[in-house]
Amino acid sequence: MGRLIKRIQFVVGVALCLFCLDSTCQIDKESFEAFKAIIPQENIVLQANTNTILAGETLFYKLYCLSSTGKLSLASKIGYVELIGANKKNLFKHKLQLNKGLANGDFFIPPNIETGHYKLVAYTKWMNNNSANPFFQSDVYIINPFIPNDDSFENKELYADNLKEIKKTIPTVLQKNTDIKLETNKKVYKFRENVEITMSSLLGESNYGNYSVSVRKLDLIGVTDHNSNNKVDNYDEIKYLPEIRGEVISGQVLSKSNNKIVADMIVALSIPGSHYIYKNVKTDQRGKFYFNIHENYNDSEVIIQVLDKNKGDYNILLDDSSFKYADQLKYAKIKVNENTKDWLLKQSIHNQIESAYHNAKRDSIVFRSPNTMFYGNPTVKYFLDDYTRFPSVKETFVEIIAEAAVRKSGDNFSFKVYNYEELRNNVFKEYNPLVLFDGILIQNNLDVLDYDSNKIESVSVVRGIYFNGPSIFNGIIDIKTKKSDFKLPKNREAFGFLNLDAIKENKIYYNPIYTSEVSKLNRIPDYRSQLLWEPNLFFNSNSSTINFYTSDVKGVFEITLEGYSNAGKYIISKMYFEVGN
């Protein structure tokens, strides 16, 4: 597969150089067919902890990106998950880093969400090219007893399950698939008692794979019919590049004077911040540019600009990356039966108590390593707090920065980096340095020369000739503010802007441990209905165990193990246990 990925990357590079008359697509049809010959078609499967959920609860999900063989796909590195309402508005759009075809996430249902039918959709950009199945969808029904939705009282009906029928099955194991057997150390548990689940493979190594485990109280409500039709009536003919290294941001440069495409123009991208991202590329023969973002970043405003002294003469048009099929999703109105009123009230009170103690039950965020500077280590770095402060950037360079300077020529000012002795007569000696302010490319030096230096943390200088993408710079000047909050001047017509949401962070979900009678948790109420959500269970032995604790909620709880074996076989196992006081 490593050889395949290298081949894919090579074909991507070639495809970006090809000419295409259709300026609305990322790639032309000929290149797209070449991709299809070597990259397997992808299919997303999304597993959620429930399809019926109350406001104040959390929706958990696990994403599997599968190839046409049914095994996990290694092609796409970015997946997208959205929850869309009948009004076509997004409750959320998550961008996920796919790790060998796997990802997971969660969404807290806020108290201002109306009762209704929603669609959980998932896709990769490469999957969007499949006319028969461009995305995955499933139904989610949200109930909010505090915001009535009087016009949604027909068609779908939420009803009370017959708990007596479920209780009859305890302690019998109910499984849709018996390949992996589930057993608990007891059948009935007390409040805050340890539960141990033993998972046994009945078919040996053939069941080894990646699974999710959900332990959730059986709801009194369900949906009579929650099957979705994935058929698309109007397929979007736009062809998308596979995101095989990271997120692709693309667009086109046009001349303002005649609206013609501009080829061979260097375009720069900045994602500002303390650990910023800076890249530049050159437009192809149809004026298209492509940035591949594989580094970590926070939610940010992306800044794109043309590297040219007349940068204001060009328009930057960014490609639309939004979900194209929201208008084709079909919804039904739902009705909540009166006999669930008391249960809804009780459950909502439990959710409010859990919300009140949220700070004591926080999930842990998995730390992501900050980006290293693209230029490596600077020649020298000045921390301005170590020096006498001067009012402006210009004066700071005159009085403090020995390796660089500000030069005046007529009415213009320019930065200069003093090069090494052996490079002073180099053919690139007249080239300008790359000047960055919190990662934002500075082309008009007047924008920063009078900037208040008291807001600056450090100035780094890189000496020597630096090749960055298609650009050549005579040194680098990297200025960072204390708060990473530098803003461009108000005249922003020469720039392209894009609000970019960060990759959703990975979490270790809260799982209390009641091991001591004097535990500090004893004084904290515990009304969890979701006792466990483990999205990454790597089952690689014939038997494995997992532990968790019950809460202060009594009732029947369902254990669901679900996922795919390494061979691509779908497996689901279920069993039930009871919690009493």
Protein backbone atom coordinates (compact mmCIF):
# COMPACT_ATOMS: atom_id res chain seq x y z
CA MET A 1 0.00 0.00 0.00
CA GLY A 2 2.94 2.35 0.65
CA ARG A 3 3.95 1.98 -3.01
CA LEU A 4 0.35 2.70 -4.03
CA ILE A 5 0.25 5.89 -1.96
CA LYS A 6 3.50 7.08 -3.53
CA ARG A 7 2.02 6.39 -6.97
CA ILE A 8 -1.15 8.26 -6.03
CA GLN A 9 0.91 11.26 -4.91
CA PHE A 10 2.81 11.21 -8.19
CA VAL A 11 -0.40 11.12 -10.25
CA VAL A 12 -1.83 13.97 -8.17
CA GLY A 13 1.23 16.05 -8.98
CA VAL A 14 0.92 15.30 -12.68
CA ALA A 15 -2.82 16.01 -12.70
CA LEU A 16 -2.32 19.47 -11.23
CA CYS A 17 -0.20 20.36 -14.25
CA LEU A 18 -2.80 19.35 -16.83
CA PHE A 19 -4.97 21.80 -18.68
CA CYS A 20 -8.74 21.79 -18.14
CA LEU A 21 -11.37 23.90 -19.89
CA ASP A 22 -13.87 23.45 -17.08
CA SER A 23 -12.81 25.95 -14.43
CA THR A 24 -15.43 24.77 -11.92
CA CYS A 25 -13.79 21.42 -11.19
CA GLN A 26 -10.63 20.70 -9.26
CA ILE A 27 -9.38 18.32 -11.96
CA ASP A 28 -10.31 17.53 -15.55
CA LYS A 29 -12.18 14.38 -16.53
CA GLU A 30 -9.15 12.75 -18.16
CA SER A 31 -7.08 13.13 -14.99
CA PHE A 32 -10.04 11.97 -12.93
CA GLU A 33 -10.20 8.73 -14.92
CA ALA A 34 -6.47 8.25 -14.31
CA PHE A 35 -7.08 8.61 -10.57
CA LYS A 36 -9.92 6.09 -10.67
CA ALA A 37 -7.60 3.53 -12.25
CA ILE A 38 -5.28 3.46 -9.21
CA ILE A 39 -7.30 4.78 -6.24
CA PRO A 40 -10.06 2.48 -4.96
CA GLN A 41 -13.50 4.02 -4.61
CA GLU A 42 -14.30 4.90 -1.01
CA ASN A 43 -17.39 4.33 1.10
CA ILE A 44 -18.10 5.85 4.50
CA VAL A 45 -19.91 4.01 7.28
CA LEU A 46 -20.82 6.00 10.39
CA GLN A 47 -21.83 4.34 13.65
CA ALA A 48 -23.55 6.42 16.36
CA ASN A 49 -24.35 5.63 19.98
CA THR A 50 -28.06 6.30 19.31
CA ASN A 51 -30.43 7.61 16.66
CA THR A 52 -32.82 9.18 19.18
CA ILE A 53 -31.35 11.73 21.56
CA LEU A 54 -32.48 14.47 23.93
CA ALA A 55 -31.23 18.04 24.11
CA GLY A 56 -28.51 18.13 26.75
CA GLU A 57 -27.03 14.78 25.73
CA THR A 58 -24.00 13.98 23.58
CA LEU A 59 -24.08 12.26 20.23
CA PHE A 60 -21.02 10.04 19.76
CA TYR A 61 -19.97 8.59 16.42
CA LYS A 62 -17.30 6.42 14.83
CA LEU A 63 -16.30 6.77 11.17
CA TYR A 64 -15.01 3.96 8.96
CA CYS A 65 -13.64 4.89 5.54
CA LEU A 66 -13.73 1.69 3.48
CA SER A 67 -12.31 0.87 0.07
CA SER A 68 -14.21 -1.03 -2.61
CA THR A 69 -12.76 -4.25 -1.15
CA GLY A 70 -14.47 -3.59 2.19
CA LYS A 71 -11.17 -3.04 3.99
CA LEU A 72 -10.12 0.26 5.52
CA SER A 73 -9.05 2.81 2.92
CA LEU A 74 -5.60 4.39 3.21
CA ALA A 75 -6.18 6.98 0.49
CA SER A 76 -8.10 9.90 2.04
CA LYS A 77 -6.64 11.58 5.11
CA ILE A 78 -9.60 13.90 5.78
CA GLY A 79 -13.22 12.97 6.46
CA TYR A 80 -16.25 15.22 6.98
CA VAL A 81 -19.29 14.71 9.22
CA GLU A 82 -22.30 17.04 9.32
CA LEU A 83 -25.63 17.13 11.14
CA ILE A 84 -28.18 18.91 8.98
CA GLY A 85 -31.72 19.96 9.88
CA ALA A 86 -34.83 20.11 7.72
CA ASN A 87 -34.18 23.85 7.26
CA LYS A 88 -30.89 22.83 5.52
CA LYS A 89 -28.82 24.46 8.27
CA ASN A 90 -25.85 22.71 9.84
CA LEU A 91 -25.90 21.95 13.52
CA PHE A 92 -22.26 21.05 13.11
CA LYS A 93 -19.64 20.30 10.49
CA HIS A 94 -16.69 18.31 11.74
CA LYS A 95 -13.44 17.86 9.89
CA LEU A 96 -11.67 14.68 10.95
CA GLN A 97 -8.14 13.40 10.55
CA LEU A 98 -8.42 9.86 9.18
CA ASN A 99 -5.90 7.49 10.71
CA LYS A 100 -5.74 4.47 8.40
CA GLY A 101 -9.39 5.01 7.52
CA LEU A 102 -10.64 5.57 11.08
CA ALA A 103 -11.88 8.60 13.00
CA ASN A 104 -14.38 9.48 15.71
CA GLY A 105 -16.07 12.51 17.20
CA ASP A 106 -18.91 13.80 19.32
CA PHE A 107 -21.42 16.64 19.49
CA PHE A 108 -23.24 18.01 22.53
CA ILE A 109 -26.89 18.70 21.65
CA PRO A 110 -27.47 22.27 22.93
CA PRO A 111 -30.70 23.28 24.72
CA ASN A 112 -31.79 25.65 21.91
CA ILE A 113 -32.27 22.89 19.31
CA GLU A 114 -35.83 22.22 18.22
CA THR A 115 -37.41 18.79 18.30
CA GLY A 116 -37.14 17.31 14.83
CA HIS A 117 -35.71 14.96 12.28
CA TYR A 118 -32.06 15.55 11.34
CA LYS A 119 -29.59 13.96 8.95
CA LEU A 120 -26.13 12.77 9.93
CA VAL A 121 -24.04 12.78 6.75
CA ALA A 122 -20.42 11.79 6.20
CA TYR A 123 -18.09 11.76 3.21
CA THR A 124 -14.61 12.24 1.86
CA LYS A 125 -13.93 14.48 -1.12
CA TRP A 126 -12.94 11.40 -3.11
CA MET A 127 -16.22 9.69 -2.18
CA ASN A 128 -18.09 12.76 -3.50
CA ASN A 129 -16.99 11.67 -7.00
CA ASN A 130 -19.05 8.47 -6.80
CA SER A 131 -22.33 9.27 -8.58
CA ALA A 132 -24.04 6.18 -7.15
CA ASN A 133 -23.09 6.88 -3.53
CA PRO A 134 -21.43 10.28 -2.99
CA PHE A 135 -22.05 10.37 0.79
CA PHE A 136 -23.32 8.41 3.78
CA GLN A 137 -26.48 9.43 5.58
CA SER A 138 -28.45 8.26 8.60
CA ASP A 139 -31.37 9.63 10.59
CA VAL A 140 -31.10 11.34 13.97
CA TYR A 141 -34.19 12.33 15.96
CA ILE A 142 -33.68 15.09 18.52
CA ILE A 143 -36.22 15.62 21.29
CA ASN A 144 -36.27 18.90 23.18
CA PRO A 145 -39.12 18.99 25.71
CA PHE A 146 -38.40 22.64 26.52
CA ILE A 147 -38.87 23.94 22.97
CA PRO A 148 -42.17 22.65 21.56
CA ASN A 149 -42.42 22.25 17.81
CA ASP A 150 -46.16 22.35 17.23
CA ASP A 151 -46.04 21.88 13.45
CA SER A 152 -44.26 18.48 13.74
CA PHE A 153 -47.04 16.16 14.76
CA GLU A 154 -47.50 13.73 11.93
CA ASN A 155 -45.85 11.06 9.83
CA LYS A 156 -43.11 9.75 12.14
CA GLU A 157 -44.07 8.64 15.62
CA LEU A 158 -41.81 8.20 18.61
CA TYR A 159 -43.19 5.51 20.84
CA ALA A 160 -42.60 3.77 24.17
CA ASP A 161 -40.68 0.51 23.90
CA ASN A 162 -42.00 -2.49 25.82
CA LEU A 163 -39.43 -2.83 28.60
CA LYS A 164 -41.04 -6.04 29.83
CA GLU A 165 -40.03 -7.76 26.61
CA ILE A 166 -36.47 -6.59 27.06
CA LYS A 167 -36.28 -7.66 30.70
CA LYS A 168 -37.33 -11.17 29.77
CA THR A 169 -34.09 -11.55 27.86
CA ILE A 170 -31.85 -10.90 30.87
CA PRO A 171 -29.43 -12.64 31.37
CA THR A 172 -29.66 -14.07 27.85
CA VAL A 173 -27.18 -12.58 25.36
CA LEU A 174 -28.90 -11.05 22.36
CA GLN A 175 -26.60 -10.71 19.37
CA LYS A 176 -27.22 -9.88 15.75
CA ASN A 177 -23.88 -11.56 15.05
CA THR A 178 -22.32 -14.22 17.28
CA ASP A 179 -18.77 -13.92 15.94
CA ILE A 180 -17.75 -12.04 19.09
CA LYS A 181 -19.39 -13.15 22.31
CA LEU A 182 -20.07 -10.63 25.09
CA GLU A 183 -20.27 -11.59 28.75
CA THR A 184 -20.51 -9.54 31.94
CA ASN A 185 -19.27 -10.57 35.38
CA LYS A 186 -22.80 -10.07 36.78
CA LYS A 187 -26.33 -9.73 35.46
CA VAL A 188 -27.64 -7.13 37.93
CA TYR A 189 -25.52 -4.30 39.34
CA LYS A 190 -25.81 -1.72 42.09
CA PHE A 191 -25.21 1.98 41.66
CA ARG A 192 -21.58 2.95 41.01
CA GLU A 193 -20.46 -0.67 40.72
CA ASN A 194 -17.69 -1.94 38.49
CA VAL A 195 -18.79 -3.76 35.33
CA GLU A 196 -16.40 -6.02 33.47
CA ILE A 197 -17.18 -7.06 29.91
CA THR A 198 -15.37 -10.04 28.43
CA MET A 199 -15.22 -10.17 24.64
CA SER A 200 -14.38 -13.54 23.10
CA SER A 201 -13.74 -14.25 19.45
CA LEU A 202 -15.52 -17.42 18.38
CA LEU A 203 -13.66 -17.48 15.07
CA GLY A 204 -10.14 -16.68 16.22
CA GLU A 205 -8.02 -14.20 14.28
CA SER A 206 -10.64 -13.70 11.59
CA ASN A 207 -12.51 -11.39 14.02
CA TYR A 208 -9.49 -9.24 14.87
CA GLY A 209 -10.18 -5.63 13.93
CA ASN A 210 -11.26 -2.20 15.12
CA TYR A 211 -14.55 -1.73 16.95
CA SER A 212 -16.53 0.72 19.00
CA VAL A 213 -18.19 -0.19 22.31
CA SER A 214 -21.24 1.70 23.56
CA VAL A 215 -23.02 1.13 26.86
CA ARG A 216 -26.25 3.11 27.02
CA LYS A 217 -29.51 2.93 28.91
CA LEU A 218 -32.36 1.72 26.75
CA ASP A 219 -34.56 4.68 25.97
CA LEU A 220 -38.29 4.63 26.42
CA ILE A 221 -38.57 6.13 22.98
CA GLY A 222 -37.61 4.89 19.55
CA VAL A 223 -38.50 5.45 15.93
CA THR A 224 -40.71 3.11 13.97
CA ASP A 225 -38.77 3.57 10.71
CA HIS A 226 -35.35 5.19 10.41
CA ASN A 227 -34.06 3.85 7.12
CA SER A 228 -32.57 6.40 4.73
CA ASN A 229 -32.40 6.29 0.96
CA ASN A 230 -28.90 7.25 -0.23
CA LYS A 231 -29.98 7.74 -3.83
CA VAL A 232 -29.03 11.11 -5.31
CA ASP A 233 -31.38 12.61 -7.88
CA ASN A 234 -29.05 15.32 -9.19
CA TYR A 235 -25.41 14.31 -9.09
CA ASP A 236 -22.85 17.09 -8.77
CA GLU A 237 -20.49 16.77 -11.77
CA ILE A 238 -17.65 18.65 -10.06
CA LYS A 239 -14.64 16.36 -9.70
CA TYR A 240 -12.66 16.51 -6.48
CA LEU A 241 -9.05 15.67 -5.78
CA PRO A 242 -8.46 12.94 -3.21
CA GLU A 243 -7.06 14.42 -0.02
CA ILE A 244 -4.25 11.89 0.29
CA ARG A 245 -1.87 14.01 2.40
CA GLY A 246 -4.20 16.53 4.06
CA GLU A 247 -6.86 19.10 3.36
CA VAL A 248 -6.82 20.64 -0.12
CA ILE A 249 -7.57 24.37 -0.44
CA SER A 250 -7.90 25.42 -4.06
CA GLY A 251 -8.95 28.38 -6.15
CA GLN A 252 -8.21 30.44 -9.22
CA VAL A 253 -6.52 33.75 -10.02
CA LEU A 254 -8.23 36.04 -12.55
CA SER A 255 -7.28 39.43 -13.92
CA LYS A 256 -9.52 42.22 -12.66
CA SER A 257 -9.27 44.12 -15.95
CA ASN A 258 -10.54 41.40 -18.32
CA ASN A 259 -11.50 38.48 -16.03
CA LYS A 260 -9.03 36.21 -17.83
CA ILE A 261 -7.16 33.42 -16.09
CA VAL A 262 -3.66 34.21 -14.85
CA ALA A 263 -1.16 31.36 -15.24
CA ASP A 264 2.29 31.00 -13.62
CA MET A 265 1.43 33.41 -10.81
CA ILE A 266 2.81 32.72 -7.33
CA VAL A 267 0.13 32.59 -4.62
CA ALA A 268 0.83 32.53 -0.87
CA LEU A 269 -1.27 31.11 1.95
CA SER A 270 -1.02 32.04 5.62
CA ILE A 271 -2.80 30.48 8.58
CA PRO A 272 -1.76 32.98 11.28
CA GLY A 273 -0.94 32.18 14.87
CA SER A 274 1.90 31.37 17.23
CA HIS A 275 2.54 28.14 15.29
CA TYR A 276 1.48 29.48 11.92
CA ILE A 277 1.45 27.81 8.52
CA TYR A 278 2.92 29.50 5.47
CA LYS A 279 3.00 28.07 1.94
CA ASN A 280 3.24 29.30 -1.62
CA VAL A 281 2.49 27.68 -4.95
CA LYS A 282 2.25 28.66 -8.62
CA THR A 283 -0.97 28.72 -10.66
CA ASP A 284 -1.30 26.23 -13.52
CA GLN A 285 -2.35 26.91 -17.11
CA ARG A 286 -5.96 27.51 -16.14
CA GLY A 287 -5.04 29.83 -13.28
CA LYS A 288 -5.73 27.20 -10.61
CA PHE A 289 -3.76 26.85 -7.38
CA TYR A 290 -3.75 24.08 -4.78
CA PHE A 291 -2.54 24.11 -1.20
CA ASN A 292 -2.15 20.85 0.71
CA ILE A 293 -2.56 21.44 4.44
CA HIS A 294 -1.27 18.55 6.54
CA GLU A 295 -0.06 20.55 9.53
CA ASN A 296 -1.99 21.21 12.75
CA TYR A 297 -3.89 24.48 13.12
CA ASN A 298 -6.65 26.06 15.19
CA ASP A 299 -9.83 27.70 13.91
CA SER A 300 -8.54 30.59 11.88
CA GLU A 301 -9.01 33.03 9.04
CA VAL A 302 -6.86 31.88 6.14
CA ILE A 303 -5.24 34.67 4.13
CA ILE A 304 -4.35 34.11 0.48
CA GLN A 305 -2.54 36.68 -1.65
CA VAL A 306 -0.77 36.96 -4.98
CA LEU A 307 2.97 37.61 -4.78
CA ASP A 308 3.25 40.57 -7.10
CA LYS A 309 3.95 44.28 -6.78
CA ASN A 310 0.59 44.84 -8.50
CA LYS A 311 -1.30 42.28 -6.41
CA GLY A 312 -4.37 44.53 -6.39
CA ASP A 313 -4.84 43.84 -10.12
CA TYR A 314 -6.03 40.28 -9.50
CA ASN A 315 -9.06 38.52 -8.09
CA ILE A 316 -8.69 35.38 -6.02
CA LEU A 317 -11.67 33.02 -6.34
CA LEU A 318 -11.74 30.19 -3.82
CA ASP A 319 -13.39 26.89 -4.73
CA ASP A 320 -16.58 26.07 -2.87
CA SER A 321 -15.98 23.09 -0.56
CA SER A 322 -19.45 22.96 1.01
CA PHE A 323 -21.70 19.89 1.00
CA LYS A 324 -23.63 19.92 -2.29
CA TYR A 325 -26.56 17.62 -1.51
CA ALA A 326 -28.39 19.25 1.42
CA ASP A 327 -31.37 20.09 -0.81
CA GLN A 328 -31.82 16.42 -1.71
CA LEU A 329 -32.10 15.14 1.86
CA LYS A 330 -35.62 14.06 2.75
CA TYR A 331 -37.16 14.67 6.16
CA ALA A 332 -40.27 13.60 8.01
CA LYS A 333 -42.23 15.29 10.76
CA ILE A 334 -42.30 13.50 14.08
CA LYS A 335 -44.72 13.18 16.96
CA VAL A 336 -43.96 12.63 20.63
CA ASN A 337 -46.56 10.53 22.42
CA GLU A 338 -48.10 11.82 25.63
CA ASN A 339 -47.17 8.65 27.51
CA THR A 340 -43.47 9.60 27.33
CA LYS A 341 -44.02 12.96 29.05
CA ASP A 342 -43.00 11.87 32.55
CA TRP A 343 -39.96 9.99 31.26
CA LEU A 344 -38.84 12.99 29.18
CA LEU A 345 -39.15 15.29 32.19
CA LYS A 346 -37.13 12.97 34.41
CA GLN A 347 -34.44 12.44 31.79
CA SER A 348 -34.20 16.18 31.13
CA ILE A 349 -33.67 16.84 34.84
CA HIS A 350 -30.89 14.24 34.86
CA ASN A 351 -29.29 15.94 31.86
CA GLN A 352 -29.44 19.35 33.53
CA ILE A 353 -27.75 17.98 36.65
CA GLU A 354 -25.04 16.40 34.52
CA SER A 355 -24.55 19.72 32.73
CA ALA A 356 -24.23 21.57 36.05
CA TYR A 357 -21.32 19.28 37.01
CA HIS A 358 -19.72 19.36 33.57
CA ASN A 359 -16.47 20.91 34.84
CA ALA A 360 -15.95 17.97 37.18
CA LYS A 361 -16.49 15.45 34.38
CA ARG A 362 -14.47 16.86 31.52
CA ASP A 363 -13.09 14.71 28.74
CA SER A 364 -9.33 14.81 28.15
CA ILE A 365 -8.09 16.35 24.91
CA VAL A 366 -5.31 14.43 23.20
CA PHE A 367 -2.38 16.81 22.77
CA ARG A 368 -1.27 17.56 19.22
CA SER A 369 2.33 18.54 18.70
CA PRO A 370 2.75 22.14 17.51
CA ASN A 371 4.13 22.75 14.05
CA THR A 372 7.82 23.37 13.67
CA MET A 373 8.91 26.37 11.64
CA PHE A 374 9.10 25.56 7.94
CA TYR A 375 12.57 27.13 7.76
CA GLY A 376 13.97 25.11 10.68
CA ASN A 377 16.06 27.00 13.24
CA PRO A 378 16.68 30.71 12.63
CA THR A 379 20.16 32.16 12.40
CA VAL A 380 19.32 34.40 15.34
CA LYS A 381 16.25 35.11 17.44
CA TYR A 382 15.71 38.31 19.41
CA PHE A 383 13.33 38.31 22.39
CA LEU A 384 12.58 42.01 22.66
CA ASP A 385 11.92 41.88 26.41
CA ASP A 386 15.68 41.31 26.75
CA TYR A 387 16.39 44.71 25.17
CA THR A 388 15.48 48.34 25.60
CA ARG A 389 12.14 48.80 23.88
CA PHE A 390 11.88 51.25 20.99
CA PRO A 391 8.51 52.63 19.81
CA SER A 392 8.24 51.09 16.32
CA VAL A 393 9.40 48.21 14.17
CA LYS A 394 11.55 50.56 12.10
CA GLU A 395 13.43 51.87 15.13
CA THR A 396 13.81 48.36 16.52
CA PHE A 397 15.58 47.22 13.36
CA VAL A 398 17.84 50.26 13.44
CA GLU A 399 18.83 49.90 17.10
CA ILE A 400 18.65 46.16 17.89
CA ILE A 401 18.55 43.81 14.89
CA ALA A 402 22.14 43.40 13.69
CA GLU A 403 21.54 40.80 10.95
CA ALA A 404 18.86 42.81 9.12
CA ALA A 405 17.92 46.41 8.40
CA VAL A 406 15.30 48.76 6.97
CA ARG A 407 16.44 50.68 3.89
CA LYS A 408 14.81 53.77 2.38
CA SER A 409 14.75 54.44 -1.35
CA GLY A 410 12.82 57.57 -2.25
CA ASP A 411 9.38 57.20 -0.66
CA ASN A 412 9.72 53.46 -0.28
CA PHE A 413 11.13 51.34 2.52
CA SER A 414 12.42 47.80 2.24
CA PHE A 415 13.75 45.15 4.59
CA LYS A 416 17.18 43.69 4.00
CA VAL A 417 18.90 40.65 5.50
CA TYR A 418 22.69 40.86 5.64
CA ASN A 419 23.96 37.78 3.90
CA TYR A 420 26.95 35.63 4.62
CA GLU A 421 30.21 36.92 3.14
CA GLU A 422 30.46 34.14 0.56
CA LEU A 423 26.91 34.88 -0.69
CA ARG A 424 27.08 38.65 -1.00
CA ASN A 425 27.87 38.50 -4.72
CA ASN A 426 25.42 35.68 -5.36
CA VAL A 427 23.08 35.97 -8.39
CA PHE A 428 20.19 36.22 -5.89
CA LYS A 429 21.69 39.12 -3.94
CA GLU A 430 19.06 41.59 -5.22
CA TYR A 431 16.16 39.38 -4.16
CA ASN A 432 14.02 40.57 -1.26
CA PRO A 433 13.70 38.69 2.02
CA LEU A 434 10.52 36.90 3.02
CA VAL A 435 8.85 39.03 5.70
CA LEU A 436 6.25 37.36 7.92
CA PHE A 437 4.20 38.90 10.73
CA ASP A 438 2.53 36.15 12.82
CA GLY A 439 2.83 34.08 9.66
CA ILE A 440 1.15 36.66 7.41
CA LEU A 441 3.14 37.58 4.32
CA ILE A 442 4.03 41.29 4.26
CA GLN A 443 4.41 42.79 0.78
CA ASN A 444 3.78 46.43 1.65
CA ASN A 445 6.38 47.24 4.28
CA LEU A 446 4.58 50.46 5.23
CA ASP A 447 1.92 48.21 6.82
CA VAL A 448 4.33 47.23 9.62
CA LEU A 449 7.15 49.77 9.96
CA ASP A 450 5.19 51.91 12.42
CA TYR A 451 3.71 48.95 14.29
CA ASP A 452 3.99 49.26 18.09
CA SER A 453 7.02 47.17 19.05
CA ASN A 454 5.71 46.81 22.62
CA LYS A 455 3.27 44.24 21.18
CA ILE A 456 6.08 42.17 19.64
CA GLU A 457 7.50 39.15 21.40
CA SER A 458 10.35 38.16 19.09
CA VAL A 459 12.13 38.79 15.80
CA SER A 460 13.84 35.86 14.06
CA VAL A 461 16.25 36.23 11.15
CA VAL A 462 17.30 33.52 8.72
CA ARG A 463 20.38 34.39 6.66
CA GLY A 464 21.15 32.90 3.28
CA ILE A 465 19.24 32.21 0.07
CA TYR A 466 15.98 30.41 0.83
CA PHE A 467 13.92 28.45 -1.72
CA ASN A 468 10.28 28.14 -0.71
CA GLY A 469 8.07 26.38 -3.25
CA PRO A 470 8.40 28.34 -6.50
CA SER A 471 9.80 31.42 -4.68
CA ILE A 472 13.36 32.50 -3.94
CA PHE A 473 14.10 34.82 -1.00
CA ASN A 474 17.26 36.49 0.18
CA GLY A 475 16.75 35.62 3.84
CA ILE A 476 13.69 35.49 6.12
CA ILE A 477 12.44 37.94 8.74
CA ASP A 478 9.90 36.35 11.08
CA ILE A 479 8.16 38.71 13.53
CA LYS A 480 5.82 37.32 16.21
CA THR A 481 3.52 39.34 18.43
CA LYS A 482 2.85 38.51 22.08
CA LYS A 483 -0.81 37.63 21.46
CA SER A 484 -0.46 36.36 17.87
CA ASP A 485 -3.09 38.92 16.90
CA PHE A 486 -1.56 40.92 14.06
CA LYS A 487 -4.19 42.12 11.58
CA LEU A 488 -3.79 43.33 8.05
CA PRO A 489 -4.79 46.93 7.26
CA LYS A 490 -8.39 47.74 6.36
CA ASN A 491 -7.73 47.75 2.61
CA ARG A 492 -8.14 44.01 2.03
CA GLU A 493 -9.27 43.93 -1.60
CA ALA A 494 -6.04 42.35 -2.77
CA PHE A 495 -6.48 39.33 -0.50
CA GLY A 496 -8.57 36.19 -0.41
CA PHE A 497 -10.02 35.10 2.93
CA LEU A 498 -11.40 31.80 4.14
CA ASN A 499 -12.67 30.88 7.59
CA LEU A 500 -11.11 27.50 8.25
CA ASP A 501 -12.34 25.19 11.00
CA ALA A 502 -9.66 23.13 12.67
CA ILE A 503 -9.44 19.35 12.55
CA LYS A 504 -11.59 18.02 15.40
CA GLU A 505 -9.43 17.04 18.33
CA ASN A 506 -9.25 13.48 19.64
CA LYS A 507 -10.50 12.84 23.16
CA ILE A 508 -10.21 10.38 25.99
CA TYR A 509 -13.79 10.29 27.24
CA TYR A 510 -14.68 10.73 30.90
CA ASN A 511 -15.00 7.42 32.73
CA PRO A 512 -15.26 7.70 36.54
CA ILE A 513 -13.55 5.18 38.81
CA TYR A 514 -15.29 4.58 42.14
CA THR A 515 -12.56 2.68 43.96
CA SER A 516 -12.68 4.30 47.39
CA GLU A 517 -15.44 4.99 49.87
CA VAL A 518 -13.88 8.39 50.49
CA SER A 519 -13.45 9.23 46.83
CA LYS A 520 -13.99 12.89 45.98
CA LEU A 521 -16.46 11.68 43.37
CA ASN A 522 -18.81 10.43 46.07
CA ARG A 523 -20.22 13.91 46.59
CA ILE A 524 -20.83 14.48 42.87
CA PRO A 525 -24.17 13.30 41.38
CA ASP A 526 -23.88 10.78 38.57
CA TYR A 527 -26.86 10.61 36.24
CA ARG A 528 -25.10 9.28 33.15
CA SER A 529 -27.28 7.31 30.76
CA GLN A 530 -24.25 6.72 28.53
CA LEU A 531 -22.00 4.68 30.79
CA LEU A 532 -19.25 4.05 28.25
CA TRP A 533 -18.22 5.16 24.79
CA GLU A 534 -14.99 3.56 23.59
CA PRO A 535 -14.52 4.38 19.89
CA ASN A 536 -11.14 2.70 19.43
CA LEU A 537 -11.19 -0.87 20.62
CA PHE A 538 -8.42 -2.70 18.79
CA PHE A 539 -9.43 -6.33 19.16
CA ASN A 540 -6.31 -8.36 18.47
CA SER A 541 -6.59 -11.38 20.74
CA ASN A 542 -9.07 -14.19 21.21
CA SER A 543 -10.29 -12.65 24.46
CA SER A 544 -10.27 -9.14 25.87
CA THR A 545 -11.87 -7.26 28.75
CA ILE A 546 -13.07 -3.71 29.32
CA ASN A 547 -14.21 -2.09 32.58
CA PHE A 548 -16.47 0.80 33.53
CA TYR A 549 -18.74 1.87 36.39
CA THR A 550 -22.51 2.18 36.61
CA SER A 551 -24.10 5.51 37.59
CA ASP A 552 -26.98 6.51 39.86
CA VAL A 553 -29.46 5.63 37.11
CA LYS A 554 -31.36 2.38 37.30
CA GLY A 555 -32.80 0.48 34.38
CA VAL A 556 -31.83 -1.79 31.51
CA PHE A 557 -28.58 -1.00 29.71
CA GLU A 558 -27.48 -2.16 26.29
CA ILE A 559 -23.90 -3.10 25.38
CA THR A 560 -23.16 -2.74 21.66
CA LEU A 561 -19.90 -3.84 20.08
CA GLU A 562 -19.79 -2.82 16.43
CA GLY A 563 -17.19 -2.50 13.73
CA TYR A 564 -15.18 -4.21 11.02
CA SER A 565 -12.69 -7.03 11.11
CA ASN A 566 -9.30 -6.61 9.45
CA ALA A 567 -10.69 -8.57 6.51
CA GLY A 568 -13.55 -6.09 6.07
CA LYS A 569 -16.35 -8.12 7.65
CA TYR A 570 -19.03 -6.14 9.51
CA ILE A 571 -19.63 -7.46 13.04
CA ILE A 572 -22.14 -6.38 15.66
CA SER A 573 -22.81 -7.97 19.06
CA LYS A 574 -25.27 -6.88 21.74
CA MET A 575 -26.20 -7.87 25.25
CA TYR A 576 -28.05 -6.35 28.21
CA PHE A 577 -27.70 -5.97 31.94
CA GLU A 578 -29.70 -4.28 34.67
CA VAL A 579 -28.85 -1.63 37.27
CA GLY A 580 -30.87 -1.33 40.47
CA ASN A 581 -30.30 0.27 43.83
